[in-house]
PDB file of N, CA and C in Angstrom:
ATOM      1  N   MET A   1     164.793  99.392 150.390  1.00  0.00           N
ATOM      2  CA  MET A   1     166.037  99.913 150.506  1.00  0.00           C
ATOM      3  C   MET A   1     166.526  99.768 151.816  1.00  0.00           C
ATOM      4  N   ARG A   2     165.592 100.021 152.808  1.00  0.00           N
ATOM      5  CA  ARG A   2     166.058  99.953 154.312  1.00  0.00           C
ATOM      6  C   ARG A   2     166.503  98.553 154.613  1.00  0.00           C
ATOM      7  N   ALA A   3     165.581  97.572 154.079  1.00  0.00           N
ATOM      8  CA  ALA A   3     165.973  96.182 154.361  1.00  0.00           C
ATOM      9  C   ALA A   3     167.339  95.744 153.882  1.00  0.00           C
ATOM     10  N   ALA A   4     167.741  96.242 152.719  1.00  0.00           N
ATOM     11  CA  ALA A   4     169.027  95.920 152.221  1.00  0.00           C
ATOM     12  C   ALA A   4     170.114  96.695 153.115  1.00  0.00           C
ATOM     13  N   ALA A   5     169.864  97.752 153.594  1.00  0.00           N
ATOM     14  CA  ALA A   5     170.835  98.312 154.523  1.00  0.00           C
ATOM     15  C   ALA A   5     170.994  97.640 155.790  1.00  0.00           C
ATOM     16  N   VAL A   6     169.801  97.190 156.320  1.00  0.00           N
ATOM     17  CA  VAL A   6     169.852  96.380 157.531  1.00  0.00           C
ATOM     18  C   VAL A   6     170.596  95.042 157.319  1.00  0.00           C
ATOM     19  N   VAL A   7     170.345  94.367 156.209  1.00  0.00           N
ATOM     20  CA  VAL A   7     171.133  93.095 155.880  1.00  0.00           C
ATOM     21  C   VAL A   7     172.655  93.351 155.811  1.00  0.00           C
ATOM     22  N   ALA A   8     172.977  94.424 155.120  1.00  0.00           N
ATOM     23  CA  ALA A   8     174.398  94.862 155.003  1.00  0.00           C
ATOM     24  C   ALA A   8     174.953  95.069 156.392  1.00  0.00           C
ATOM     25  N   LEU A   9     174.310  95.703 157.237  1.00  0.00           N
ATOM     26  CA  LEU A   9     174.816  96.005 158.601  1.00  0.00           C
ATOM     27  C   LEU A   9     175.071  94.650 159.467  1.00  0.00           C
ATOM     28  N   TYR A  10     174.098  93.868 159.293  1.00  0.00           N
ATOM     29  CA  TYR A  10     174.111  92.539 160.005  1.00  0.00           C
ATOM     30  C   TYR A  10     175.240  91.768 159.328  1.00  0.00           C
ATOM     31  N   ILE A  11     175.588  91.710 158.172  1.00  0.00           N
ATOM     32  CA  ILE A  11     176.699  91.040 157.526  1.00  0.00           C
ATOM     33  C   ILE A  11     177.988  91.785 158.093  1.00  0.00           C
ATOM     34  N   ALA A  12     178.141  92.979 158.104  1.00  0.00           N
ATOM     35  CA  ALA A  12     179.363  93.630 158.674  1.00  0.00           C
ATOM     36  C   ALA A  12     179.554  93.192 160.081  1.00  0.00           C
ATOM     37  N   VAL A  13     178.371  93.157 160.951  1.00  0.00           N
ATOM     38  CA  VAL A  13     178.631  92.758 162.230  1.00  0.00           C
ATOM     39  C   VAL A  13     179.071  91.206 162.408  1.00  0.00           C
ATOM     40  N   TYR A  14     178.517  90.472 161.530  1.00  0.00           N
ATOM     41  CA  TYR A  14     178.875  89.035 161.519  1.00  0.00           C
ATOM     42  C   TYR A  14     180.487  88.870 161.193  1.00  0.00           C
ATOM     43  N   VAL A  15     180.902  89.559 160.191  1.00  0.00           N
ATOM     44  CA  VAL A  15     182.186  89.610 159.773  1.00  0.00           C
ATOM     45  C   VAL A  15     183.217  90.175 160.961  1.00  0.00           C
ATOM     46  N   TRP A  16     182.735  91.139 161.554  1.00  0.00           N
ATOM     47  CA  TRP A  16     183.427  91.809 162.702  1.00  0.00           C
ATOM     48  C   TRP A  16     183.491  90.706 163.844  1.00  0.00           C
ATOM     49  N   GLY A  17     182.421  90.165 164.144  1.00  0.00           N
ATOM     50  CA  GLY A  17     182.262  89.054 165.190  1.00  0.00           C
ATOM     51  C   GLY A  17     183.262  87.934 164.962  1.00  0.00           C
ATOM     52  N   TRP A  18     183.272  87.445 163.543  1.00  0.00           N
ATOM     53  CA  TRP A  18     184.029  86.440 163.198  1.00  0.00           C
ATOM     54  C   TRP A  18     185.547  86.734 163.550  1.00  0.00           C
ATOM     55  N   LYS A  19     186.006  87.857 163.145  1.00  0.00           N
ATOM     56  CA  LYS A  19     187.295  88.311 163.360  1.00  0.00           C
ATOM     57  C   LYS A  19     187.599  88.471 164.850  1.00  0.00           C
ATOM     58  N   LYS A  20     186.616  89.029 165.535  1.00  0.00           N
ATOM     59  CA  LYS A  20     186.791  89.135 167.026  1.00  0.00           C
ATOM     60  C   LYS A  20     186.931  87.799 167.808  1.00  0.00           C
ATOM     61  N   LEU A  21     186.216  86.805 167.258  1.00  0.00           N
ATOM     62  CA  LEU A  21     186.342  85.443 167.858  1.00  0.00           C
ATOM     63  C   LEU A  21     187.787  84.878 167.719  1.00  0.00           C
ATOM     64  N   GLY A  22     188.464  85.119 166.631  1.00  0.00           N
ATOM     65  CA  GLY A  22     189.914  84.858 166.566  1.00  0.00           C
ATOM     66  C   GLY A  22     190.026  83.483 165.990  1.00  0.00           C
ATOM     67  N   SER A  23     191.276  82.987 166.009  1.00  0.00           N
ATOM     68  CA  SER A  23     191.503  81.618 165.663  1.00  0.00           C
ATOM     69  C   SER A  23     191.266  80.530 166.539  1.00  0.00           C
ATOM     70  N   GLN A  24     191.131  80.980 167.823  1.00  0.00           N
ATOM     71  CA  GLN A  24     190.785  79.984 168.885  1.00  0.00           C
ATOM     72  C   GLN A  24     189.334  79.514 168.998  1.00  0.00           C
ATOM     73  N   ALA A  25     188.520  80.213 168.375  1.00  0.00           N
ATOM     74  CA  ALA A  25     187.021  79.812 168.333  1.00  0.00           C
ATOM     75  C   ALA A  25     186.813  78.549 167.596  1.00  0.00           C
ATOM     76  N   THR A  26     185.752  77.815 168.203  1.00  0.00           N
ATOM     77  CA  THR A  26     185.413  76.471 167.440  1.00  0.00           C
ATOM     78  C   THR A  26     184.295  76.898 166.459  1.00  0.00           C
ATOM     79  N   ILE A  27     184.006  75.832 165.679  1.00  0.00           N
ATOM     80  CA  ILE A  27     182.923  75.854 164.657  1.00  0.00           C
ATOM     81  C   ILE A  27     181.526  76.231 165.444  1.00  0.00           C
ATOM     82  N   LEU A  28     181.408  75.634 166.581  1.00  0.00           N
ATOM     83  CA  LEU A  28     180.226  75.929 167.444  1.00  0.00           C
ATOM     84  C   LEU A  28     180.118  77.354 167.745  1.00  0.00           C
ATOM     85  N   HIS A  29     181.141  78.043 168.111  1.00  0.00           N
ATOM     86  CA  HIS A  29     181.070  79.426 168.463  1.00  0.00           C
ATOM     87  C   HIS A  29     180.550  80.292 167.157  1.00  0.00           C
ATOM     88  N   ARG A  30     181.219  79.915 166.215  1.00  0.00           N
ATOM     89  CA  ARG A  30     180.790  80.603 164.836  1.00  0.00           C
ATOM     90  C   ARG A  30     179.349  80.424 164.484  1.00  0.00           C
ATOM     91  N   VAL A  31     178.917  79.165 164.636  1.00  0.00           N
ATOM     92  CA  VAL A  31     177.541  78.730 164.436  1.00  0.00           C
ATOM     93  C   VAL A  31     176.520  79.668 165.375  1.00  0.00           C
ATOM     94  N   ALA A  32     177.067  79.609 166.530  1.00  0.00           N
ATOM     95  CA  ALA A  32     176.090  80.359 167.494  1.00  0.00           C
ATOM     96  C   ALA A  32     176.089  81.835 167.175  1.00  0.00           C
ATOM     97  N   LEU A  33     177.188  82.480 166.832  1.00  0.00           N
ATOM     98  CA  LEU A  33     177.124  83.722 166.384  1.00  0.00           C
ATOM     99  C   LEU A  33     176.200  83.925 165.211  1.00  0.00           C
ATOM    100  N   GLY A  34     176.271  83.046 164.266  1.00  0.00           N
ATOM    101  CA  GLY A  34     175.408  83.135 163.121  1.00  0.00           C
ATOM    102  C   GLY A  34     173.942  83.030 163.453  1.00  0.00           C
ATOM    103  N   CYS A  35     173.641  82.024 164.343  1.00  0.00           N
ATOM    104  CA  CYS A  35     172.287  81.768 164.746  1.00  0.00           C
ATOM    105  C   CYS A  35     171.797  83.030 165.427  1.00  0.00           C
ATOM    106  N   LEU A  36     172.604  83.620 166.409  1.00  0.00           N
ATOM    107  CA  LEU A  36     172.071  84.790 167.111  1.00  0.00           C
ATOM    108  C   LEU A  36     171.799  86.009 166.155  1.00  0.00           C
ATOM    109  N   LEU A  37     172.777  86.147 165.347  1.00  0.00           N
ATOM    110  CA  LEU A  37     172.520  87.264 164.374  1.00  0.00           C
ATOM    111  C   LEU A  37     171.464  87.036 163.349  1.00  0.00           C
ATOM    112  N   GLY A  38     171.314  85.720 163.066  1.00  0.00           N
ATOM    113  CA  GLY A  38     170.172  85.399 162.068  1.00  0.00           C
ATOM    114  C   GLY A  38     168.864  85.671 162.651  1.00  0.00           C
ATOM    115  N   TRP A  39     168.703  85.350 163.887  1.00  0.00           N
ATOM    116  CA  TRP A  39     167.403  85.477 164.634  1.00  0.00           C
ATOM    117  C   TRP A  39     167.222  86.959 164.756  1.00  0.00           C
ATOM    118  N   ALA A  40     168.210  87.795 165.141  1.00  0.00           N
ATOM    119  CA  ALA A  40     168.027  89.136 165.209  1.00  0.00           C
ATOM    120  C   ALA A  40     167.607  89.872 163.988  1.00  0.00           C
ATOM    121  N   LEU A  41     168.147  89.255 162.933  1.00  0.00           N
ATOM    122  CA  LEU A  41     167.909  89.865 161.515  1.00  0.00           C
ATOM    123  C   LEU A  41     166.449  89.500 161.106  1.00  0.00           C
ATOM    124  N   TYR A  42     166.144  88.254 161.545  1.00  0.00           N
ATOM    125  CA  TYR A  42     164.603  87.902 161.211  1.00  0.00           C
ATOM    126  C   TYR A  42     163.685  88.709 161.856  1.00  0.00           C
ATOM    127  N   VAL A  43     163.911  88.998 163.231  1.00  0.00           N
ATOM    128  CA  VAL A  43     163.034  89.824 163.897  1.00  0.00           C
ATOM    129  C   VAL A  43     163.025  91.276 163.409  1.00  0.00           C
ATOM    130  N   ASN A  44     164.150  91.842 163.119  1.00  0.00           N
ATOM    131  CA  ASN A  44     164.249  93.066 162.704  1.00  0.00           C
ATOM    132  C   ASN A  44     163.567  93.326 161.324  1.00  0.00           C
ATOM    133  N   LEU A  45     163.833  92.346 160.371  1.00  0.00           N
ATOM    134  CA  LEU A  45     163.138  92.519 159.096  1.00  0.00           C
ATOM    135  C   LEU A  45     161.635  92.281 159.099  1.00  0.00           C
ATOM    136  N   SER A  46     161.246  91.435 160.006  1.00  0.00           N
ATOM    137  CA  SER A  46     159.793  91.251 160.273  1.00  0.00           C
ATOM    138  C   SER A  46     159.185  92.575 160.792  1.00  0.00           C
ATOM    139  N   GLY A  47     159.860  93.223 161.605  1.00  0.00           N
ATOM    140  CA  GLY A  47     159.353  94.438 162.154  1.00  0.00           C
ATOM    141  C   GLY A  47     159.339  95.599 161.119  1.00  0.00           C
ATOM    142  N   LEU A  48     160.376  95.526 160.285  1.00  0.00           N
ATOM    143  CA  LEU A  48     160.362  96.570 159.298  1.00  0.00           C
ATOM    144  C   LEU A  48     159.176  96.384 158.272  1.00  0.00           C
ATOM    145  N   ALA A  49     158.876  95.134 157.885  1.00  0.00           N
ATOM    146  CA  ALA A  49     157.876  94.738 156.991  1.00  0.00           C
ATOM    147  C   ALA A  49     156.453  94.760 157.650  1.00  0.00           C
ATOM    148  N   MET A  50     156.433  94.956 158.942  1.00  0.00           N
ATOM    149  CA  MET A  50     155.104  94.993 159.782  1.00  0.00           C
ATOM    150  C   MET A  50     154.431  93.744 159.693  1.00  0.00           C
ATOM    151  N   MET A  51     155.204  92.674 159.669  1.00  0.00           N
ATOM    152  CA  MET A  51     154.724  91.304 159.616  1.00  0.00           C
ATOM    153  C   MET A  51     154.779  90.617 160.922  1.00  0.00           C
ATOM    154  N   PRO A  52     153.662  89.948 161.277  1.00  0.00           N
ATOM    155  CA  PRO A  52     153.794  89.099 162.566  1.00  0.00           C
ATOM    156  C   PRO A  52     155.040  88.129 162.551  1.00  0.00           C
ATOM    157  N   HIS A  53     155.577  88.075 163.663  1.00  0.00           N
ATOM    158  CA  HIS A  53     156.735  87.213 163.786  1.00  0.00           C
ATOM    159  C   HIS A  53     156.830  86.475 165.204  1.00  0.00           C
ATOM    160  N   LEU A  54     157.517  85.356 165.268  1.00  0.00           N
ATOM    161  CA  LEU A  54     157.838  84.777 166.553  1.00  0.00           C
ATOM    162  C   LEU A  54     158.988  85.461 167.277  1.00  0.00           C
ATOM    163  N   SER A  55     158.874  85.653 168.503  1.00  0.00           N
ATOM    164  CA  SER A  55     159.884  86.298 169.353  1.00  0.00           C
ATOM    165  C   SER A  55     159.907  85.527 170.640  1.00  0.00           C
ATOM    166  N   ILE A  56     160.759  86.018 171.522  1.00  0.00           N
ATOM    167  CA  ILE A  56     160.839  85.464 172.790  1.00  0.00           C
ATOM    168  C   ILE A  56     159.492  85.613 173.614  1.00  0.00           C
ATOM    169  N   SER A  57     158.852  86.773 173.374  1.00  0.00           N
ATOM    170  CA  SER A  57     157.597  87.109 174.071  1.00  0.00           C
ATOM    171  C   SER A  57     156.502  86.354 173.514  1.00  0.00           C
ATOM    172  N   SER A  58     156.507  85.663 172.421  1.00  0.00           N
ATOM    173  CA  SER A  58     155.469  84.845 171.851  1.00  0.00           C
ATOM    174  C   SER A  58     154.915  83.790 172.670  1.00  0.00           C
ATOM    175  N   LEU A  59     155.817  83.056 173.464  1.00  0.00           N
ATOM    176  CA  LEU A  59     155.469  82.090 174.422  1.00  0.00           C
ATOM    177  C   LEU A  59     154.697  82.686 175.414  1.00  0.00           C
ATOM    178  N   TYR A  60     155.187  83.800 175.963  1.00  0.00           N
ATOM    179  CA  TYR A  60     154.530  84.460 177.081  1.00  0.00           C
ATOM    180  C   TYR A  60     153.034  84.798 176.822  1.00  0.00           C
ATOM    181  N   ILE A  61     152.962  85.531 175.605  1.00  0.00           N
ATOM    182  CA  ILE A  61     151.655  86.018 175.162  1.00  0.00           C
ATOM    183  C   ILE A  61     150.675  84.795 174.981  1.00  0.00           C
ATOM    184  N   ALA A  62     151.200  83.687 174.230  1.00  0.00           N
ATOM    185  CA  ALA A  62     150.339  82.619 173.954  1.00  0.00           C
ATOM    186  C   ALA A  62     149.967  81.689 175.064  1.00  0.00           C
ATOM    187  N   LEU A  63     150.927  81.601 176.034  1.00  0.00           N
ATOM    188  CA  LEU A  63     150.646  80.606 177.131  1.00  0.00           C
ATOM    189  C   LEU A  63     150.453  81.221 178.421  1.00  0.00           C
ATOM    190  N   PHE A  64     151.412  81.986 178.938  1.00  0.00           N
ATOM    191  CA  PHE A  64     151.241  82.499 180.243  1.00  0.00           C
ATOM    192  C   PHE A  64     150.354  83.573 180.598  1.00  0.00           C
ATOM    193  N   GLN A  65     150.013  84.514 179.532  1.00  0.00           N
ATOM    194  CA  GLN A  65     148.961  85.485 179.774  1.00  0.00           C
ATOM    195  C   GLN A  65     147.585  84.903 179.919  1.00  0.00           C
ATOM    196  N   PRO A  66     147.191  83.927 179.155  1.00  0.00           N
ATOM    197  CA  PRO A  66     145.804  83.308 179.475  1.00  0.00           C
ATOM    198  C   PRO A  66     145.741  82.591 180.765  1.00  0.00           C
ATOM    199  N   VAL A  67     146.901  82.033 181.116  1.00  0.00           N
ATOM    200  CA  VAL A  67     146.826  81.324 182.401  1.00  0.00           C
ATOM    201  C   VAL A  67     146.839  82.235 183.591  1.00  0.00           C
ATOM    202  N   GLY A  68     147.507  83.328 183.400  1.00  0.00           N
ATOM    203  CA  GLY A  68     147.438  84.342 184.394  1.00  0.00           C
ATOM    204  C   GLY A  68     146.095  85.058 184.518  1.00  0.00           C
ATOM    205  N   ARG A  69     145.353  85.238 183.425  1.00  0.00           N
ATOM    206  CA  ARG A  69     143.978  85.756 183.358  1.00  0.00           C
ATOM    207  C   ARG A  69     143.041  84.826 184.122  1.00  0.00           C
ATOM    208  N   ALA A  70     143.319  83.498 183.830  1.00  0.00           N
ATOM    209  CA  ALA A  70     142.370  82.467 184.506  1.00  0.00           C
ATOM    210  C   ALA A  70     142.591  82.531 186.007  1.00  0.00           C
ATOM    211  N   PHE A  71     143.746  82.522 186.383  1.00  0.00           N
ATOM    212  CA  PHE A  71     144.124  82.611 187.836  1.00  0.00           C
ATOM    213  C   PHE A  71     143.521  83.816 188.573  1.00  0.00           C
ATOM    214  N   ILE A  72     143.577  85.058 187.798  1.00  0.00           N
ATOM    215  CA  ILE A  72     142.922  86.241 188.398  1.00  0.00           C
ATOM    216  C   ILE A  72     141.501  86.082 188.438  1.00  0.00           C
ATOM    217  N   ASN A  73     140.791  85.516 187.451  1.00  0.00           N
ATOM    218  CA  ASN A  73     139.341  85.320 187.433  1.00  0.00           C
ATOM    219  C   ASN A  73     139.028  84.296 188.515  1.00  0.00           C
ATOM    220  N   TRP A  74     139.782  83.237 188.595  1.00  0.00           N
ATOM    221  CA  TRP A  74     139.524  82.260 189.666  1.00  0.00           C
ATOM    222  C   TRP A  74     139.613  82.814 191.074  1.00  0.00           C
ATOM    223  N   LEU A  75     140.534  83.843 191.193  1.00  0.00           N
ATOM    224  CA  LEU A  75     140.605  84.360 192.601  1.00  0.00           C
ATOM    225  C   LEU A  75     139.638  85.473 192.863  1.00  0.00           C
ATOM    226  N   GLY A  76     138.840  85.691 191.971  1.00  0.00           N
ATOM    227  CA  GLY A  76     137.834  86.822 192.105  1.00  0.00           C
ATOM    228  C   GLY A  76     138.172  88.128 191.559  1.00  0.00           C
ATOM    229  N   GLY A  77     139.181  88.231 190.767  1.00  0.00           N
ATOM    230  CA  GLY A  77     139.683  89.668 190.418  1.00  0.00           C
ATOM    231  C   GLY A  77     139.114  90.096 189.172  1.00  0.00           C
TER     232      GLY A  77
END
């Protein structure tokens, strides 16, 4: 039930954004709006379902944290 409410809200925000862009917006602007909201919806629904998901911090956790730990160990910390 919560997932359906979240999807409905994201659809409402997309329609509002579509109207806010106006007639001057290009297809690229509308696709960018859809991609941004689609990504946000994916992350939000994954969080609701308690499923692991890719996010902006996934690259940091997978790559930069181990490199940072290696540097700290190398420096004697």
